[in-house]
Protein backbone atom coordinates (compact mmCIF):
# COMPACT_ATOMS: atom_id res chain seq x y z
CA MET A 1 -9.07 0.26 26.01
CA VAL A 2 -6.95 -1.36 23.30
CA ARG A 3 -3.61 -2.76 24.42
CA MET A 4 -1.00 -2.14 21.77
CA ILE A 5 1.39 -5.04 21.27
CA LYS A 6 4.97 -3.97 21.81
CA LYS A 7 7.61 -5.13 19.44
CA PRO A 8 8.91 -8.33 21.04
CA HIS A 9 12.02 -8.37 18.93
CA ALA A 10 12.89 -4.68 18.78
CA VAL A 11 16.34 -5.28 20.25
CA GLN A 12 16.82 -8.24 17.91
CA SER A 13 15.83 -6.09 14.92
CA ARG A 14 18.45 -3.48 15.75
CA ALA A 15 21.02 -6.22 16.35
CA THR A 16 20.12 -7.77 12.99
CA PHE A 17 20.68 -4.43 11.26
CA PHE A 18 24.14 -3.95 12.77
CA SER A 19 25.19 -7.58 12.34
CA THR A 20 24.25 -7.54 8.62
CA PHE A 21 25.71 -4.09 7.92
CA GLY A 22 27.87 -4.51 4.85
CA LEU A 23 26.77 -8.14 4.40
CA ARG A 24 23.43 -7.61 2.67
CA ARG A 25 24.66 -8.83 -0.72
CA ASP A 26 26.42 -11.88 0.77
CA ARG A 27 23.36 -12.65 2.89
CA ASP A 28 21.10 -12.58 -0.17
CA TYR A 29 23.54 -14.78 -2.07
CA PHE A 30 23.64 -17.20 0.87
CA ILE A 31 19.87 -17.69 1.24
CA GLU A 32 19.25 -17.84 -2.51
CA ASN A 33 21.83 -20.55 -3.16
CA ALA A 34 21.33 -22.47 0.09
CA SER A 35 17.58 -22.77 -0.56
CA THR A 36 18.21 -23.98 -4.12
CA LEU A 37 20.77 -26.59 -3.03
CA ILE A 38 18.62 -27.90 -0.18
CA ALA A 39 15.58 -28.07 -2.50
CA SER A 40 17.64 -30.19 -4.93
CA GLY A 41 18.18 -32.80 -2.20
CA MET A 42 21.58 -31.76 -0.85
CA GLY A 43 22.10 -31.99 2.89
CA VAL A 44 22.16 -28.82 4.97
CA ILE A 45 25.82 -29.19 6.00
CA ASP A 46 26.93 -29.87 2.41
CA ALA A 47 24.86 -26.91 1.18
CA LEU A 48 26.50 -24.60 3.73
CA ASN A 49 29.96 -25.80 2.71
CA ALA A 50 29.16 -25.31 -0.99
CA VAL A 51 27.83 -21.78 -0.49
CA ASN A 52 30.69 -20.84 1.83
CA ALA A 53 33.24 -21.71 -0.85
CA ASP A 54 32.09 -18.79 -3.02
CA ILE A 55 31.60 -16.17 -0.29
CA LYS A 56 34.20 -13.39 -0.44
CA SER A 57 33.50 -11.68 2.86
CA LYS A 58 35.58 -13.11 5.69
CA ARG A 59 32.97 -12.10 8.27
CA MET A 60 30.22 -13.88 6.33
CA ARG A 61 32.34 -17.01 5.97
CA MET A 62 32.90 -17.04 9.73
CA LEU A 63 29.15 -16.75 10.34
CA ILE A 64 28.42 -19.65 7.97
CA LEU A 65 31.09 -21.83 9.60
CA SER A 66 29.66 -20.99 13.03
CA MET A 67 26.18 -22.00 11.85
CA ARG A 68 27.56 -25.24 10.39
CA ASP A 69 29.26 -26.12 13.67
CA GLU A 70 26.08 -25.46 15.65
CA ILE A 71 23.98 -27.60 13.31
CA GLU A 72 26.55 -30.41 13.43
CA SER A 73 26.40 -30.33 17.22
CA GLY A 74 22.62 -30.87 17.12
CA SER A 75 21.22 -27.35 17.11
CA PRO A 76 18.12 -26.74 14.93
CA ILE A 77 18.76 -24.85 11.71
CA TRP A 78 16.46 -21.99 12.68
CA ARG A 79 18.26 -21.57 15.99
CA ALA A 80 21.66 -21.35 14.27
CA LEU A 81 20.29 -18.75 11.87
CA GLU A 82 18.72 -16.81 14.74
CA ARG A 83 22.02 -16.66 16.61
CA ALA A 84 23.80 -15.51 13.46
CA ARG A 85 21.34 -12.56 13.33
CA LEU A 86 21.33 -12.55 9.56
CA PHE A 87 17.57 -12.47 9.09
CA PRO A 88 14.63 -10.67 10.73
CA ALA A 89 12.27 -12.42 13.11
CA HIS A 90 9.55 -13.18 10.55
CA SER A 91 12.07 -14.98 8.32
CA ILE A 92 13.31 -17.04 11.28
CA SER A 93 9.68 -17.92 12.06
CA LEU A 94 9.19 -19.18 8.51
CA ILE A 95 12.36 -21.28 8.66
CA ARG A 96 11.39 -22.71 12.06
CA ILE A 97 7.92 -23.69 10.81
CA GLY A 98 9.46 -25.24 7.69
CA GLU A 99 11.96 -27.26 9.69
CA GLU A 100 9.34 -28.53 12.13
CA SER A 101 6.80 -29.39 9.39
CA GLY A 102 9.23 -30.94 6.89
CA ARG A 103 8.91 -28.00 4.46
CA LEU A 104 12.33 -26.48 5.08
CA SER A 105 13.37 -26.19 1.43
CA GLU A 106 10.05 -24.59 0.44
CA ASN A 107 10.16 -22.07 3.28
CA LEU A 108 13.80 -21.23 2.59
CA GLN A 109 12.79 -20.42 -0.96
CA VAL A 110 9.96 -18.25 0.39
CA VAL A 111 12.49 -16.36 2.53
CA SER A 112 14.70 -15.94 -0.54
CA ILE A 113 11.79 -14.57 -2.56
CA GLU A 114 10.81 -12.26 0.29
CA GLN A 115 14.36 -10.87 0.48
CA GLU A 116 14.31 -10.32 -3.29
CA LYS A 117 10.98 -8.49 -3.08
CA ASP A 118 12.28 -6.35 -0.25
CA ARG A 119 15.30 -5.37 -2.37
CA SER A 120 12.96 -4.64 -5.26
CA PHE A 121 10.73 -2.38 -3.14
CA ARG A 122 13.69 -0.41 -1.84
CA SER A 123 15.20 -0.16 -5.30
CA LYS A 124 11.97 1.21 -6.77
CA ILE A 125 11.71 3.94 -4.14
CA ARG A 126 15.39 4.88 -4.58
CA ALA A 127 15.02 4.94 -8.36
CA ALA A 128 11.93 7.14 -8.13
CA MET A 129 13.63 9.65 -5.83
CA MET A 130 17.03 9.69 -7.54
CA TYR A 131 16.08 12.08 -10.36
CA PRO A 132 14.41 14.78 -8.22
CA LEU A 133 17.18 14.61 -5.61
CA PHE A 134 19.80 14.92 -8.35
CA VAL A 135 18.09 17.95 -9.89
CA LEU A 136 17.60 19.68 -6.54
CA GLY A 137 21.18 18.92 -5.51
CA LEU A 138 22.55 20.26 -8.79
CA THR A 139 20.43 23.38 -8.43
CA LEU A 140 21.75 23.90 -4.91
CA VAL A 141 25.36 23.48 -6.05
CA PHE A 142 24.94 26.00 -8.88
CA GLY A 143 23.14 28.40 -6.55
CA ILE A 144 25.96 28.25 -4.01
CA GLY A 145 28.53 28.69 -6.79
CA ILE A 146 26.77 31.78 -8.11
CA ALA A 147 26.40 33.24 -4.64
CA PHE A 148 30.02 32.49 -3.72
CA PHE A 149 31.85 33.54 -6.90
CA ILE A 150 29.59 35.88 -8.92
CA LEU A 151 27.44 37.83 -6.48
CA PRO A 152 30.37 39.41 -4.58
CA LYS A 153 31.67 40.84 -7.87
CA LEU A 154 28.21 42.13 -8.77
CA ALA A 155 28.03 43.71 -5.32
CA LEU A 156 31.22 45.62 -6.06
CA VAL A 157 29.85 46.87 -9.40
CA PHE A 158 26.43 47.87 -8.06
CA SER A 159 27.93 49.61 -5.02
CA GLN A 160 29.68 52.04 -7.36
CA LEU A 161 26.40 52.97 -9.06
CA ASN A 162 24.61 56.02 -7.75
CA ILE A 163 21.18 54.38 -7.73
CA GLU A 164 18.88 52.87 -5.17
CA LEU A 165 18.99 49.10 -5.54
CA PRO A 166 15.78 47.03 -5.49
CA THR A 167 15.09 44.98 -2.37
CA ILE A 168 15.71 41.61 -4.05
CA THR A 169 19.05 42.85 -5.35
CA ARG A 170 20.12 44.09 -1.92
CA ILE A 171 19.17 40.76 -0.36
CA ILE A 172 21.05 38.66 -2.91
CA ILE A 173 24.08 40.94 -2.92
CA GLY A 174 24.12 40.95 0.90
CA ALA A 175 24.14 37.16 0.80
CA GLY A 176 26.91 37.23 -1.79
CA VAL A 177 29.05 39.61 0.27
CA PHE A 178 28.49 37.51 3.38
CA LEU A 179 29.48 34.30 1.57
CA GLY A 180 32.47 36.00 0.03
CA GLU A 181 33.76 36.94 3.47
CA HIS A 182 32.67 33.93 5.52
CA GLY A 183 31.80 31.26 2.96
CA ALA A 184 34.72 28.99 3.80
CA ILE A 185 33.29 28.62 7.31
CA VAL A 186 29.56 29.01 6.71
CA LEU A 187 29.18 26.53 3.83
CA PRO A 188 30.64 23.47 5.64
CA ILE A 189 28.60 24.30 8.76
CA ALA A 190 25.46 24.75 6.65
CA SER A 191 26.08 21.45 4.85
CA LEU A 192 26.46 19.62 8.17
CA ALA A 193 23.34 21.32 9.50
CA ILE A 194 21.31 20.30 6.44
CA GLY A 195 22.60 16.74 6.72
CA GLY A 196 21.69 16.68 10.41
CA ILE A 197 18.20 17.98 9.73
CA ILE A 198 17.66 15.36 7.01
CA TYR A 199 18.81 12.62 9.38
CA ILE A 200 16.58 13.80 12.22
CA VAL A 201 13.52 14.27 10.00
CA PHE A 202 13.79 11.13 7.86
CA PHE A 203 15.95 8.58 9.71
CA PHE A 204 16.05 9.18 13.48
CA PRO A 205 13.61 6.61 14.99
CA LYS A 206 11.84 9.04 17.33
CA THR A 207 11.25 11.78 14.74
CA LYS A 208 11.20 10.06 11.34
CA ARG A 209 7.39 10.08 11.37
CA VAL A 210 7.73 13.81 10.56
CA GLY A 211 9.64 12.92 7.41
CA GLN A 212 7.08 10.27 6.60
CA HIS A 213 4.34 12.88 6.88
CA ILE A 214 6.28 15.11 4.49
CA LEU A 215 6.71 12.24 2.00
CA PHE A 216 2.98 11.54 2.16
CA MET A 217 2.35 15.15 1.10
CA ILE A 218 4.47 14.87 -2.09
CA PRO A 219 2.35 14.04 -5.16
CA GLY A 220 3.08 10.55 -6.43
CA VAL A 221 5.39 9.61 -3.54
CA LYS A 222 2.45 8.92 -1.22
CA ARG A 223 0.95 6.61 -3.81
CA LEU A 224 4.25 4.77 -4.34
CA ILE A 225 4.74 4.27 -0.59
CA GLN A 226 1.20 2.98 -0.15
CA GLU A 227 1.46 0.59 -3.10
CA SER A 228 4.86 -0.78 -2.08
CA GLU A 229 3.69 -1.27 1.51
CA LEU A 230 0.50 -3.02 0.35
CA ALA A 231 2.57 -5.30 -1.88
CA ARG A 232 4.74 -6.19 1.11
CA PHE A 233 1.67 -6.54 3.36
CA GLY A 234 -0.15 -8.89 0.98
CA TYR A 235 2.77 -11.12 0.08
CA LEU A 236 4.38 -11.38 3.53
CA LEU A 237 1.18 -11.77 5.58
CA GLY A 238 -0.28 -14.23 3.09
CA THR A 239 2.93 -16.28 3.08
CA LEU A 240 3.19 -16.35 6.88
CA LEU A 241 -0.45 -17.41 7.25
CA ASP A 242 -0.08 -20.02 4.53
CA ALA A 243 2.96 -21.43 6.39
CA GLY A 244 0.84 -21.93 9.50
CA LEU A 245 1.84 -18.92 11.61
CA PRO A 246 -1.01 -17.53 13.78
CA VAL A 247 -2.42 -14.26 12.46
CA THR A 248 -1.35 -12.26 15.54
CA GLN A 249 2.25 -13.46 15.26
CA ALA A 250 2.20 -12.86 11.52
CA LEU A 251 1.02 -9.26 12.03
CA ALA A 252 3.64 -8.69 14.74
CA SER A 253 6.32 -9.99 12.36
CA LEU A 254 4.93 -7.76 9.62
CA SER A 255 5.25 -4.68 11.83
CA GLN A 256 8.96 -5.44 12.28
CA SER A 257 9.51 -5.52 8.52
CA SER A 258 7.81 -2.18 7.86
CA SER A 259 9.98 0.89 7.28
CA PHE A 260 7.18 3.39 8.00
CA PRO A 261 5.99 4.17 11.56
CA ASN A 262 2.37 4.71 10.45
CA TYR A 263 2.14 1.20 9.02
CA ASP A 264 4.10 -0.24 11.93
CA ARG A 265 1.57 1.25 14.35
CA PHE A 266 -1.32 0.05 12.18
CA TYR A 267 -0.07 -3.56 12.07
CA ARG A 268 0.46 -3.65 15.83
CA TYR A 269 -3.06 -2.28 16.31
CA LEU A 270 -4.46 -5.07 14.13
CA ALA A 271 -2.48 -7.69 16.08
CA ALA A 272 -3.75 -6.36 19.42
CA ARG A 273 -7.39 -6.21 18.36
CA ILE A 274 -7.39 -9.61 16.66
CA GLU A 275 -5.76 -11.14 19.74
CA GLU A 276 -8.77 -9.86 21.69
CA GLY A 277 -11.05 -11.79 19.35
CA ASN A 278 -12.03 -9.08 16.86
CA SER A 279 -12.31 -9.61 13.12
CA PHE A 280 -10.50 -7.65 10.42
CA GLN A 281 -13.79 -5.95 9.61
CA ARG A 282 -14.16 -4.58 13.13
CA CYS A 283 -10.49 -3.57 13.25
CA PHE A 284 -10.83 -1.59 10.03
CA ALA A 285 -14.03 0.06 11.28
CA THR A 286 -12.43 1.27 14.53
CA TYR A 287 -9.06 2.47 13.21
CA LYS A 288 -8.93 6.19 12.42
CA ARG A 289 -8.04 7.08 8.83
CA VAL A 290 -7.74 3.44 7.88
CA ASN A 291 -8.29 4.39 4.23
CA ARG A 292 -4.91 6.13 4.25
CA MET A 293 -3.33 2.79 5.14
CA ILE A 294 -5.44 0.36 3.09
CA PRO A 295 -7.89 1.40 0.33
CA THR A 296 -11.54 0.38 0.76
CA PRO A 297 -11.52 -2.23 -2.08
CA VAL A 298 -8.55 -3.99 -0.44
CA GLN A 299 -10.34 -3.94 2.91
CA GLN A 300 -13.34 -5.60 1.28
CA LEU A 301 -11.11 -8.29 -0.24
CA ILE A 302 -9.50 -9.03 3.13
CA MET A 303 -12.88 -9.24 4.89
CA THR A 304 -14.19 -11.54 2.16
CA GLY A 305 -11.13 -13.79 2.46
CA GLU A 306 -11.51 -13.91 6.24
CA ARG A 307 -15.15 -15.01 5.97
CA SER A 308 -14.48 -17.56 3.22
CA GLY A 309 -11.32 -19.05 4.75
CA ASN A 310 -9.19 -18.10 1.73
CA LEU A 311 -7.38 -15.19 3.39
CA PRO A 312 -3.78 -16.33 2.60
CA GLU A 313 -4.54 -16.77 -1.11
CA ILE A 314 -6.35 -13.42 -1.33
CA LEU A 315 -3.53 -11.64 0.52
CA LYS A 316 -0.90 -13.05 -1.85
CA LYS A 317 -3.06 -11.98 -4.81
CA ILE A 318 -3.22 -8.47 -3.34
CA GLY A 319 0.58 -8.51 -3.04
CA GLN A 320 0.98 -9.50 -6.70
CA THR A 321 -1.46 -6.82 -7.84
CA TYR A 322 0.23 -3.99 -5.95
CA GLU A 323 3.70 -5.16 -6.89
CA ALA A 324 2.71 -4.63 -10.53
CA LYS A 325 1.25 -1.23 -9.65
CA THR A 326 4.51 -0.10 -8.05
CA ASP A 327 6.29 -0.68 -11.35
CA ALA A 328 3.90 1.64 -13.20
CA THR A 329 3.94 4.26 -10.43
CA THR A 330 7.74 4.31 -10.32
CA LYS A 331 7.87 4.99 -14.06
CA ASN A 332 5.27 7.75 -13.79
CA LEU A 333 6.65 9.42 -10.67
CA THR A 334 9.37 11.28 -12.55
CA VAL A 335 6.75 12.70 -14.90
CA ILE A 336 4.64 13.81 -11.92
CA LEU A 337 7.53 15.48 -10.07
CA GLU A 338 9.13 17.11 -13.11
CA PRO A 339 6.78 20.16 -13.21
CA ILE A 340 7.41 20.77 -9.49
CA LEU A 341 11.16 20.64 -10.03
CA LEU A 342 10.89 22.99 -13.00
CA VAL A 343 8.97 25.51 -10.87
CA VAL A 344 11.62 25.36 -8.12
CA VAL A 345 14.47 25.84 -10.60
CA TRP A 346 12.52 28.57 -12.42
CA LEU A 347 11.99 30.52 -9.17
CA GLY A 348 15.70 30.41 -8.41
CA VAL A 349 16.70 31.53 -11.91
CA ILE A 350 14.08 34.30 -11.96
CA SER A 351 15.21 35.62 -8.57
CA VAL A 352 18.85 35.92 -9.65
CA ALA A 353 17.88 37.36 -13.07
CA LEU A 354 15.63 40.03 -11.54
CA ALA A 355 18.32 40.93 -9.00
CA VAL A 356 20.77 41.58 -11.86
CA ILE A 357 18.47 43.07 -14.51
CA MET A 358 16.37 45.46 -12.41
CA PRO A 359 19.31 47.70 -11.36
CA ILE A 360 20.47 47.84 -14.99
CA TYR A 361 17.04 48.99 -16.14
CA LYS A 362 17.00 51.56 -13.34
CA LEU A 363 20.41 52.82 -14.37
CA ILE A 364 19.37 53.09 -18.01
CA GLY A 365 16.19 54.95 -17.02
CA GLY A 366 18.26 57.39 -14.97
CA LEU A 367 20.59 58.08 -17.89
CA GLU A 368 17.68 58.75 -20.22
CA THR A 369 16.06 61.25 -17.85
CA SER A 370 19.35 63.07 -17.38
């Protein structure tokens, strides 16, 4: 029976999220400039003082001063950064390895690049989803406006007609009458309910795998998620292995950086099996639906790199390849989703149009027969 590795830093990851809330931009500025200054030959204390001079956030300045005081008192740099809770565990591991091996400036630059790539991945997904969410939101706003302001008036007109209304008209008019009478109460409650459902499905830790499953069913979105995760997988795992981190620790660190439960579970499975002495090839062969996580050609590349001893270089090459693919997929995603959005909007427009036009045709037909 396979023993799944638990997240050793789960509490630390949550603490890192809350401690960096609102400081993400300052944190990125800090690591980018500190790594550049240290690489140029400046001492760590002087680099911290120089970066701190341009930080606007008071909370971030206090964190940097606290780190400086710890380092001046003899604490290792990685320990000061760990206590500040500014970076995830895999970044701290890189900094610790760099400090102990004399490659601190290089590893700090790697952390800076990794943070930049992480921002890029998140930005691409947000950019891809912004257009469809905007269109659907606008459609919902217009639909509520029509139901709240126009349908009650149509209900009054049609109620005075001596004709039998079609089913779709009765449904829409009933909704309009209901919103006209109770809309001031119903709409805020409905908005809160929708927001709560979105949070539970997509963000709540215990249920967000449901939202992930939904995203994997949307054309184009599944491909973008897979490509962005493979880009992160290749670059981060290759960098950690190249820095000298054992493969099991590197995979455990990778699971902490993943935003998707399916990949998190997959990385922890790999770490557990490899710790037992298995190869990547055997891990891939025994994991159900592994092709949904990693395509077969990528699996072959990883197995080849493992056998040849060039796994870090091959992993970083995979990361570069899929990073380029995410750019193309992001640009094409809007084109893929546009027909689906048009169908959704068209169904809404057609429903309202039929509800209004059908009674008119019925009334005209009744006048002609009379």
